Amino acid sequence: MGNPRPVLTPLIVIDEAHLLSPAMLEEIRFLTNFHMDSTSPMALCLVGQPERRNKLRLRAFEAISQRVTLRFHLGGLPEAETRAYIGNAGAEC
């Protein structure tokens, strides 16, 4: 037999997740319900401002927060790096 085909995992990215309504967060919870009993056939990435993280800490969203397997917070750049970034970005214009 030849090489087996790699298993591909679909990735769903929701940007601006901090703007999701409670009803939409509940829909996402329903979407991820299958993950509780089996291997997840997809990966879900919620991207947003710190408000998203704070919202998921509320008791009302405990069920969806329990489904989060990885959390990451990207902090701001130090002042010197921010100045260098703005300088480089401005030079490209």
PDB file of N, CA and C in Angstrom:
ATOM      1  N   MET A   1       0.827  -1.190   0.000  1.00  0.00           N
ATOM      2  CA  MET A   1       0.000   0.000   0.000  1.00  0.00           C
ATOM      3  C   MET A   1       0.868   1.249   0.000  1.00  0.00           C
ATOM      4  N   GLY A   2       0.301   2.328  -0.528  1.00  0.00           N
ATOM      5  CA  GLY A   2       1.019   3.596  -0.566  1.00  0.00           C
ATOM      6  C   GLY A   2       0.937   4.302   0.772  1.00  0.00           C
ATOM      7  N   ASN A   3       1.437   5.499   0.785  1.00  0.00           N
ATOM      8  CA  ASN A   3       1.376   6.308   2.007  1.00  0.00           C
ATOM      9  C   ASN A   3      -0.070   6.653   2.333  1.00  0.00           C
ATOM     10  N   PRO A   4      -0.453   6.523   3.594  1.00  0.00           N
ATOM     11  CA  PRO A   4      -1.825   6.912   3.960  1.00  0.00           C
ATOM     12  C   PRO A   4      -1.992   8.420   3.832  1.00  0.00           C
ATOM     13  N   ARG A   5      -3.191   8.844   3.516  1.00  0.00           N
ATOM     14  CA  ARG A   5      -3.479  10.271   3.392  1.00  0.00           C
ATOM     15  C   ARG A   5      -3.460  10.908   4.779  1.00  0.00           C
ATOM     16  N   PRO A   6      -2.855  12.085   4.902  1.00  0.00           N
ATOM     17  CA  PRO A   6      -2.845  12.753   6.213  1.00  0.00           C
ATOM     18  C   PRO A   6      -4.261  13.157   6.607  1.00  0.00           C
ATOM     19  N   VAL A   7      -4.527  13.100   7.885  1.00  0.00           N
ATOM     20  CA  VAL A   7      -5.822  13.534   8.398  1.00  0.00           C
ATOM     21  C   VAL A   7      -5.788  15.052   8.544  1.00  0.00           C
ATOM     22  N   LEU A   8      -6.713  15.702   7.879  1.00  0.00           N
ATOM     23  CA  LEU A   8      -6.787  17.161   7.942  1.00  0.00           C
ATOM     24  C   LEU A   8      -7.874  17.571   8.928  1.00  0.00           C
ATOM     25  N   THR A   9      -7.563  18.526   9.766  1.00  0.00           N
ATOM     26  CA  THR A   9      -8.531  19.030  10.737  1.00  0.00           C
ATOM     27  C   THR A   9      -8.965  20.425  10.302  1.00  0.00           C
ATOM     28  N   PRO A  10     -10.261  20.588  10.029  1.00  0.00           N
ATOM     29  CA  PRO A  10     -10.738  21.930   9.674  1.00  0.00           C
ATOM     30  C   PRO A  10     -10.555  22.891  10.837  1.00  0.00           C
ATOM     31  N   LEU A  11     -10.232  24.129  10.519  1.00  0.00           N
ATOM     32  CA  LEU A  11     -10.054  25.178  11.523  1.00  0.00           C
ATOM     33  C   LEU A  11     -11.075  26.277  11.260  1.00  0.00           C
ATOM     34  N   ILE A  12     -11.870  26.586  12.269  1.00  0.00           N
ATOM     35  CA  ILE A  12     -12.827  27.686  12.190  1.00  0.00           C
ATOM     36  C   ILE A  12     -12.273  28.818  13.045  1.00  0.00           C
ATOM     37  N   VAL A  13     -12.056  29.976  12.421  1.00  0.00           N
ATOM     38  CA  VAL A  13     -11.532  31.143  13.131  1.00  0.00           C
ATOM     39  C   VAL A  13     -12.635  32.192  13.199  1.00  0.00           C
ATOM     40  N   ILE A  14     -12.952  32.610  14.411  1.00  0.00           N
ATOM     41  CA  ILE A  14     -13.945  33.667  14.611  1.00  0.00           C
ATOM     42  C   ILE A  14     -13.194  34.883  15.128  1.00  0.00           C
ATOM     43  N   ASP A  15     -13.047  35.872  14.259  1.00  0.00           N
ATOM     44  CA  ASP A  15     -12.368  37.107  14.633  1.00  0.00           C
ATOM     45  C   ASP A  15     -13.378  38.033  15.311  1.00  0.00           C
ATOM     46  N   GLU A  16     -12.889  38.968  16.077  1.00  0.00           N
ATOM     47  CA  GLU A  16     -13.729  39.918  16.812  1.00  0.00           C
ATOM     48  C   GLU A  16     -14.701  39.169  17.730  1.00  0.00           C
ATOM     49  N   ALA A  17     -14.231  38.066  18.325  1.00  0.00           N
ATOM     50  CA  ALA A  17     -15.081  37.215  19.162  1.00  0.00           C
ATOM     51  C   ALA A  17     -15.610  37.949  20.386  1.00  0.00           C
ATOM     52  N   HIS A  18     -14.966  39.015  20.787  1.00  0.00           N
ATOM     53  CA  HIS A  18     -15.453  39.783  21.940  1.00  0.00           C
ATOM     54  C   HIS A  18     -16.790  40.447  21.640  1.00  0.00           C
ATOM     55  N   LEU A  19     -17.156  40.537  20.352  1.00  0.00           N
ATOM     56  CA  LEU A  19     -18.421  41.150  19.964  1.00  0.00           C
ATOM     57  C   LEU A  19     -19.565  40.140  19.877  1.00  0.00           C
ATOM     58  N   LEU A  20     -19.286  38.859  20.100  1.00  0.00           N
ATOM     59  CA  LEU A  20     -20.334  37.842  20.015  1.00  0.00           C
ATOM     60  C   LEU A  20     -21.363  38.035  21.127  1.00  0.00           C
ATOM     61  N   SER A  21     -22.605  37.896  20.760  1.00  0.00           N
ATOM     62  CA  SER A  21     -23.686  37.995  21.742  1.00  0.00           C
ATOM     63  C   SER A  21     -23.732  36.715  22.575  1.00  0.00           C
ATOM     64  N   PRO A  22     -24.368  36.768  23.726  1.00  0.00           N
ATOM     65  CA  PRO A  22     -24.533  35.549  24.523  1.00  0.00           C
ATOM     66  C   PRO A  22     -25.204  34.422  23.722  1.00  0.00           C
ATOM     67  N   ALA A  23     -26.168  34.777  22.880  1.00  0.00           N
ATOM     68  CA  ALA A  23     -26.846  33.759  22.064  1.00  0.00           C
ATOM     69  C   ALA A  23     -25.874  33.095  21.088  1.00  0.00           C
ATOM     70  N   MET A  24     -24.983  33.882  20.496  1.00  0.00           N
ATOM     71  CA  MET A  24     -24.003  33.302  19.556  1.00  0.00           C
ATOM     72  C   MET A  24     -22.994  32.427  20.301  1.00  0.00           C
ATOM     73  N   LEU A  25     -22.586  32.837  21.498  1.00  0.00           N
ATOM     74  CA  LEU A  25     -21.685  32.005  22.292  1.00  0.00           C
ATOM     75  C   LEU A  25     -22.351  30.681  22.647  1.00  0.00           C
ATOM     76  N   GLU A  26     -23.648  30.720  22.891  1.00  0.00           N
ATOM     77  CA  GLU A  26     -24.394  29.494  23.177  1.00  0.00           C
ATOM     78  C   GLU A  26     -24.435  28.591  21.944  1.00  0.00           C
ATOM     79  N   GLU A  27     -24.590  29.174  20.767  1.00  0.00           N
ATOM     80  CA  GLU A  27     -24.560  28.389  19.522  1.00  0.00           C
ATOM     81  C   GLU A  27     -23.200  27.730  19.333  1.00  0.00           C
ATOM     82  N   ILE A  28     -22.144  28.454  19.652  1.00  0.00           N
ATOM     83  CA  ILE A  28     -20.791  27.884  19.552  1.00  0.00           C
ATOM     84  C   ILE A  28     -20.642  26.732  20.535  1.00  0.00           C
ATOM     85  N   ARG A  29     -21.224  26.878  21.715  1.00  0.00           N
ATOM     86  CA  ARG A  29     -21.184  25.790  22.695  1.00  0.00           C
ATOM     87  C   ARG A  29     -21.869  24.551  22.135  1.00  0.00           C
ATOM     88  N   PHE A  30     -23.018  24.731  21.492  1.00  0.00           N
ATOM     89  CA  PHE A  30     -23.713  23.597  20.876  1.00  0.00           C
ATOM     90  C   PHE A  30     -22.846  22.962  19.793  1.00  0.00           C
ATOM     91  N   LEU A  31     -22.182  23.797  19.027  1.00  0.00           N
ATOM     92  CA  LEU A  31     -21.314  23.308  17.956  1.00  0.00           C
ATOM     93  C   LEU A  31     -20.180  22.458  18.508  1.00  0.00           C
ATOM     94  N   THR A  32     -19.715  22.808  19.700  1.00  0.00           N
ATOM     95  CA  THR A  32     -18.584  22.087  20.290  1.00  0.00           C
ATOM     96  C   THR A  32     -19.016  20.967  21.238  1.00  0.00           C
ATOM     97  N   ASN A  33     -20.307  20.717  21.374  1.00  0.00           N
ATOM     98  CA  ASN A  33     -20.788  19.674  22.286  1.00  0.00           C
ATOM     99  C   ASN A  33     -20.199  18.307  21.988  1.00  0.00           C
ATOM    100  N   PHE A  34     -20.010  17.982  20.719  1.00  0.00           N
ATOM    101  CA  PHE A  34     -19.501  16.667  20.341  1.00  0.00           C
ATOM    102  C   PHE A  34     -18.132  16.413  20.947  1.00  0.00           C
ATOM    103  N   HIS A  35     -17.390  17.462  21.231  1.00  0.00           N
ATOM    104  CA  HIS A  35     -16.031  17.334  21.752  1.00  0.00           C
ATOM    105  C   HIS A  35     -16.003  16.691  23.140  1.00  0.00           C
ATOM    106  N   MET A  36     -17.099  16.736  23.843  1.00  0.00           N
ATOM    107  CA  MET A  36     -17.120  16.224  25.206  1.00  0.00           C
ATOM    108  C   MET A  36     -16.987  14.695  25.237  1.00  0.00           C
ATOM    109  N   ASP A  37     -17.444  14.003  24.202  1.00  0.00           N
ATOM    110  CA  ASP A  37     -17.466  12.547  24.209  1.00  0.00           C
ATOM    111  C   ASP A  37     -16.517  11.901  23.220  1.00  0.00           C
ATOM    112  N   SER A  38     -15.913  12.657  22.343  1.00  0.00           N
ATOM    113  CA  SER A  38     -15.065  12.064  21.317  1.00  0.00           C
ATOM    114  C   SER A  38     -13.972  13.036  20.901  1.00  0.00           C
ATOM    115  N   THR A  39     -13.151  12.574  19.976  1.00  0.00           N
ATOM    116  CA  THR A  39     -12.124  13.441  19.430  1.00  0.00           C
ATOM    117  C   THR A  39     -12.779  14.478  18.529  1.00  0.00           C
ATOM    118  N   SER A  40     -12.382  15.700  18.684  1.00  0.00           N
ATOM    119  CA  SER A  40     -12.985  16.787  17.921  1.00  0.00           C
ATOM    120  C   SER A  40     -12.607  16.700  16.450  1.00  0.00           C
ATOM    121  N   PRO A  41     -13.599  16.772  15.548  1.00  0.00           N
ATOM    122  CA  PRO A  41     -13.294  16.752  14.113  1.00  0.00           C
ATOM    123  C   PRO A  41     -12.893  18.116  13.571  1.00  0.00           C
ATOM    124  N   MET A  42     -12.839  19.124  14.441  1.00  0.00           N
ATOM    125  CA  MET A  42     -12.479  20.463  13.991  1.00  0.00           C
ATOM    126  C   MET A  42     -11.782  21.207  15.125  1.00  0.00           C
ATOM    127  N   ALA A  43     -11.133  22.294  14.760  1.00  0.00           N
ATOM    128  CA  ALA A  43     -10.509  23.182  15.743  1.00  0.00           C
ATOM    129  C   ALA A  43     -11.217  24.530  15.636  1.00  0.00           C
ATOM    130  N   LEU A  44     -11.445  25.140  16.773  1.00  0.00           N
ATOM    131  CA  LEU A  44     -12.128  26.428  16.831  1.00  0.00           C
ATOM    132  C   LEU A  44     -11.194  27.429  17.482  1.00  0.00           C
ATOM    133  N   CYS A  45     -11.034  28.580  16.852  1.00  0.00           N
ATOM    134  CA  CYS A  45     -10.153  29.628  17.366  1.00  0.00           C
ATOM    135  C   CYS A  45     -10.970  30.913  17.512  1.00  0.00           C
ATOM    136  N   LEU A  46     -11.113  31.368  18.760  1.00  0.00           N
ATOM    137  CA  LEU A  46     -11.801  32.625  19.026  1.00  0.00           C
ATOM    138  C   LEU A  46     -10.747  33.709  19.226  1.00  0.00           C
ATOM    139  N   VAL A  47     -10.803  34.731  18.401  1.00  0.00           N
ATOM    140  CA  VAL A  47      -9.816  35.811  18.448  1.00  0.00           C
ATOM    141  C   VAL A  47     -10.541  37.093  18.806  1.00  0.00           C
ATOM    142  N   GLY A  48     -10.010  37.813  19.784  1.00  0.00           N
ATOM    143  CA  GLY A  48     -10.670  39.057  20.149  1.00  0.00           C
ATOM    144  C   GLY A  48      -9.891  39.841  21.186  1.00  0.00           C
ATOM    145  N   GLN A  49     -10.483  40.909  21.590  1.00  0.00           N
ATOM    146  CA  GLN A  49      -9.906  41.800  22.589  1.00  0.00           C
ATOM    147  C   GLN A  49     -10.011  41.157  23.970  1.00  0.00           C
ATOM    148  N   PRO A  50      -9.343  41.725  24.976  1.00  0.00           N
ATOM    149  CA  PRO A  50      -9.411  41.165  26.329  1.00  0.00           C
ATOM    150  C   PRO A  50     -10.841  41.016  26.867  1.00  0.00           C
ATOM    151  N   GLU A  51     -11.776  41.782  26.335  1.00  0.00           N
ATOM    152  CA  GLU A  51     -13.166  41.665  26.775  1.00  0.00           C
ATOM    153  C   GLU A  51     -13.689  40.249  26.559  1.00  0.00           C
ATOM    154  N   ARG A  52     -13.212  39.573  25.508  1.00  0.00           N
ATOM    155  CA  ARG A  52     -13.625  38.201  25.232  1.00  0.00           C
ATOM    156  C   ARG A  52     -13.224  37.295  26.379  1.00  0.00           C
ATOM    157  N   ARG A  53     -12.001  37.433  26.816  1.00  0.00           N
ATOM    158  CA  ARG A  53     -11.492  36.629  27.924  1.00  0.00           C
ATOM    159  C   ARG A  53     -12.306  36.903  29.189  1.00  0.00           C
ATOM    160  N   ASN A  54     -12.586  38.165  29.454  1.00  0.00           N
ATOM    161  CA  ASN A  54     -13.364  38.530  30.635  1.00  0.00           C
ATOM    162  C   ASN A  54     -14.786  37.976  30.557  1.00  0.00           C
ATOM    163  N   LYS A  55     -15.368  38.017  29.350  1.00  0.00           N
ATOM    164  CA  LYS A  55     -16.729  37.505  29.170  1.00  0.00           C
ATOM    165  C   LYS A  55     -16.779  36.005  29.448  1.00  0.00           C
ATOM    166  N   LEU A  56     -15.778  35.264  28.972  1.00  0.00           N
ATOM    167  CA  LEU A  56     -15.780  33.819  29.174  1.00  0.00           C
ATOM    168  C   LEU A  56     -15.561  33.433  30.638  1.00  0.00           C
ATOM    169  N   ARG A  57     -15.069  34.352  31.440  1.00  0.00           N
ATOM    170  CA  ARG A  57     -14.882  34.077  32.872  1.00  0.00           C
ATOM    171  C   ARG A  57     -16.192  34.144  33.650  1.00  0.00           C
ATOM    172  N   LEU A  58     -17.218  34.741  33.058  1.00  0.00           N
ATOM    173  CA  LEU A  58     -18.506  34.863  33.740  1.00  0.00           C
ATOM    174  C   LEU A  58     -19.142  33.485  33.903  1.00  0.00           C
ATOM    175  N   ARG A  59     -19.850  33.325  35.000  1.00  0.00           N
ATOM    176  CA  ARG A  59     -20.500  32.040  35.288  1.00  0.00           C
ATOM    177  C   ARG A  59     -21.456  31.634  34.172  1.00  0.00           C
ATOM    178  N   ALA A  60     -22.112  32.586  33.542  1.00  0.00           N
ATOM    179  CA  ALA A  60     -23.069  32.289  32.475  1.00  0.00           C
ATOM    180  C   ALA A  60     -22.395  31.584  31.296  1.00  0.00           C
ATOM    181  N   PHE A  61     -21.083  31.763  31.139  1.00  0.00           N
ATOM    182  CA  PHE A  61     -20.367  31.151  30.015  1.00  0.00           C
ATOM    183  C   PHE A  61     -19.420  30.045  30.467  1.00  0.00           C
ATOM    184  N   GLU A  62     -19.652  29.522  31.655  1.00  0.00           N
ATOM    185  CA  GLU A  62     -18.788  28.480  32.208  1.00  0.00           C
ATOM    186  C   GLU A  62     -18.738  27.249  31.304  1.00  0.00           C
ATOM    187  N   ALA A  63     -19.879  26.868  30.721  1.00  0.00           N
ATOM    188  CA  ALA A  63     -19.927  25.669  29.886  1.00  0.00           C
ATOM    189  C   ALA A  63     -19.014  25.788  28.667  1.00  0.00           C
ATOM    190  N   ILE A  64     -19.006  26.938  28.015  1.00  0.00           N
ATOM    191  CA  ILE A  64     -18.125  27.095  26.848  1.00  0.00           C
ATOM    192  C   ILE A  64     -16.681  27.295  27.287  1.00  0.00           C
ATOM    193  N   SER A  65     -16.477  27.955  28.404  1.00  0.00           N
ATOM    194  CA  SER A  65     -15.119  28.171  28.897  1.00  0.00           C
ATOM    195  C   SER A  65     -14.441  26.846  29.231  1.00  0.00           C
ATOM    196  N   GLN A  66     -15.208  25.870  29.696  1.00  0.00           N
ATOM    197  CA  GLN A  66     -14.661  24.553  30.010  1.00  0.00           C
ATOM    198  C   GLN A  66     -14.164  23.821  28.765  1.00  0.00           C
ATOM    199  N   ARG A  67     -14.647  24.204  27.608  1.00  0.00           N
ATOM    200  CA  ARG A  67     -14.260  23.548  26.360  1.00  0.00           C
ATOM    201  C   ARG A  67     -12.979  24.128  25.761  1.00  0.00           C
ATOM    202  N   VAL A  68     -12.487  25.204  26.342  1.00  0.00           N
ATOM    203  CA  VAL A  68     -11.268  25.842  25.846  1.00  0.00           C
ATOM    204  C   VAL A  68     -10.073  25.004  26.285  1.00  0.00           C
ATOM    205  N   THR A  69      -9.300  24.523  25.313  1.00  0.00           N
ATOM    206  CA  THR A  69      -8.145  23.693  25.643  1.00  0.00           C
ATOM    207  C   THR A  69      -6.845  24.483  25.654  1.00  0.00           C
ATOM    208  N   LEU A  70      -6.836  25.658  25.045  1.00  0.00           N
ATOM    209  CA  LEU A  70      -5.634  26.479  25.004  1.00  0.00           C
ATOM    210  C   LEU A  70      -6.037  27.942  25.060  1.00  0.00           C
ATOM    211  N   ARG A  71      -5.368  28.695  25.903  1.00  0.00           N
ATOM    212  CA  ARG A  71      -5.614  30.137  26.011  1.00  0.00           C
ATOM    213  C   ARG A  71      -4.282  30.849  25.805  1.00  0.00           C
ATOM    214  N   PHE A  72      -4.328  31.932  25.069  1.00  0.00           N
ATOM    215  CA  PHE A  72      -3.110  32.693  24.818  1.00  0.00           C
ATOM    216  C   PHE A  72      -3.451  34.169  24.768  1.00  0.00           C
ATOM    217  N   HIS A  73      -2.659  34.962  25.440  1.00  0.00           N
ATOM    218  CA  HIS A  73      -2.827  36.408  25.417  1.00  0.00           C
ATOM    219  C   HIS A  73      -1.565  37.031  24.836  1.00  0.00           C
ATOM    220  N   LEU A  74      -1.742  37.793  23.792  1.00  0.00           N
ATOM    221  CA  LEU A  74      -0.629  38.487  23.160  1.00  0.00           C
ATOM    222  C   LEU A  74      -0.555  39.890  23.748  1.00  0.00           C
ATOM    223  N   GLY A  75       0.474  40.147  24.501  1.00  0.00           N
ATOM    224  CA  GLY A  75       0.639  41.452  25.133  1.00  0.00           C
ATOM    225  C   GLY A  75       1.107  42.502  24.133  1.00  0.00           C
ATOM    226  N   GLY A  76       1.112  43.725  24.565  1.00  0.00           N
ATOM    227  CA  GLY A  76       1.562  44.818  23.711  1.00  0.00           C
ATOM    228  C   GLY A  76       3.076  44.843  23.582  1.00  0.00           C
ATOM    229  N   LEU A  77       3.543  45.565  22.585  1.00  0.00           N
ATOM    230  CA  LEU A  77       4.982  45.718  22.386  1.00  0.00           C
ATOM    231  C   LEU A  77       5.535  46.734  23.378  1.00  0.00           C
ATOM    232  N   PRO A  78       6.779  46.547  23.798  1.00  0.00           N
ATOM    233  CA  PRO A  78       7.424  47.592  24.600  1.00  0.00           C
ATOM    234  C   PRO A  78       7.553  48.871  23.766  1.00  0.00           C
ATOM    235  N   GLU A  79       7.729  49.999  24.427  1.00  0.00           N
ATOM    236  CA  GLU A  79       7.751  51.291  23.739  1.00  0.00           C
ATOM    237  C   GLU A  79       8.796  51.343  22.619  1.00  0.00           C
ATOM    238  N   ALA A  80       9.996  50.842  22.878  1.00  0.00           N
ATOM    239  CA  ALA A  80      11.054  50.905  21.855  1.00  0.00           C
ATOM    240  C   ALA A  80      10.663  50.098  20.616  1.00  0.00           C
ATOM    241  N   GLU A  81      10.087  48.922  20.815  1.00  0.00           N
ATOM    242  CA  GLU A  81       9.670  48.094  19.679  1.00  0.00           C
ATOM    243  C   GLU A  81       8.499  48.733  18.941  1.00  0.00           C
ATOM    244  N   THR A  82       7.616  49.398  19.673  1.00  0.00           N
ATOM    245  CA  THR A  82       6.481  50.080  19.049  1.00  0.00           C
ATOM    246  C   THR A  82       6.982  51.205  18.152  1.00  0.00           C
ATOM    247  N   ARG A  83       7.948  51.979  18.652  1.00  0.00           N
ATOM    248  CA  ARG A  83       8.518  53.070  17.847  1.00  0.00           C
ATOM    249  C   ARG A  83       9.194  52.513  16.582  1.00  0.00           C
ATOM    250  N   ALA A  84       9.936  51.414  16.736  1.00  0.00           N
ATOM    251  CA  ALA A  84      10.614  50.804  15.582  1.00  0.00           C
ATOM    252  C   ALA A  84       9.588  50.296  14.570  1.00  0.00           C
ATOM    253  N   TYR A  85       8.515  49.676  15.050  1.00  0.00           N
ATOM    254  CA  TYR A  85       7.473  49.158  14.157  1.00  0.00           C
ATOM    255  C   TYR A  85       6.816  50.295  13.381  1.00  0.00           C
ATOM    256  N   ILE A  86       6.467  51.365  14.086  1.00  0.00           N
ATOM    257  CA  ILE A  86       5.819  52.508  13.429  1.00  0.00           C
ATOM    258  C   ILE A  86       6.788  53.142  12.432  1.00  0.00           C
ATOM    259  N   GLY A  87       8.046  53.229  12.797  1.00  0.00           N
ATOM    260  CA  GLY A  87       9.048  53.784  11.884  1.00  0.00           C
ATOM    261  C   GLY A  87       9.185  52.954  10.623  1.00  0.00           C
ATOM    262  N   ASN A  88       9.226  51.640  10.760  1.00  0.00           N
ATOM    263  CA  ASN A  88       9.330  50.760   9.586  1.00  0.00           C
ATOM    264  C   ASN A  88       8.063  50.786   8.751  1.00  0.00           C
ATOM    265  N   ALA A  89       6.913  50.788   9.399  1.00  0.00           N
ATOM    266  CA  ALA A  89       5.641  50.807   8.668  1.00  0.00           C
ATOM    267  C   ALA A  89       5.503  52.126   7.912  1.00  0.00           C
ATOM    268  N   GLY A  90       5.927  53.226   8.530  1.00  0.00           N
ATOM    269  CA  GLY A  90       5.847  54.532   7.872  1.00  0.00           C
ATOM    270  C   GLY A  90       6.793  54.641   6.702  1.00  0.00           C
ATOM    271  N   ALA A  91       7.935  53.959   6.786  1.00  0.00           N
ATOM    272  CA  ALA A  91       8.921  54.014   5.706  1.00  0.00           C
ATOM    273  C   ALA A  91       8.424  53.296   4.459  1.00  0.00           C
ATOM    274  N   GLU A  92       7.509  52.337   4.634  1.00  0.00           N
ATOM    275  CA  GLU A  92       6.987  51.578   3.487  1.00  0.00           C
ATOM    276  C   GLU A  92       5.915  52.339   2.731  1.00  0.00           C
ATOM    277  N   CYS A  93       5.361  53.402   3.324  1.00  0.00           N
ATOM    278  CA  CYS A  93       4.281  54.140   2.668  1.00  0.00           C
ATOM    279  C   CYS A  93       4.780  55.113   1.642  1.00  0.00           C
TER     280      CYS A  93
END
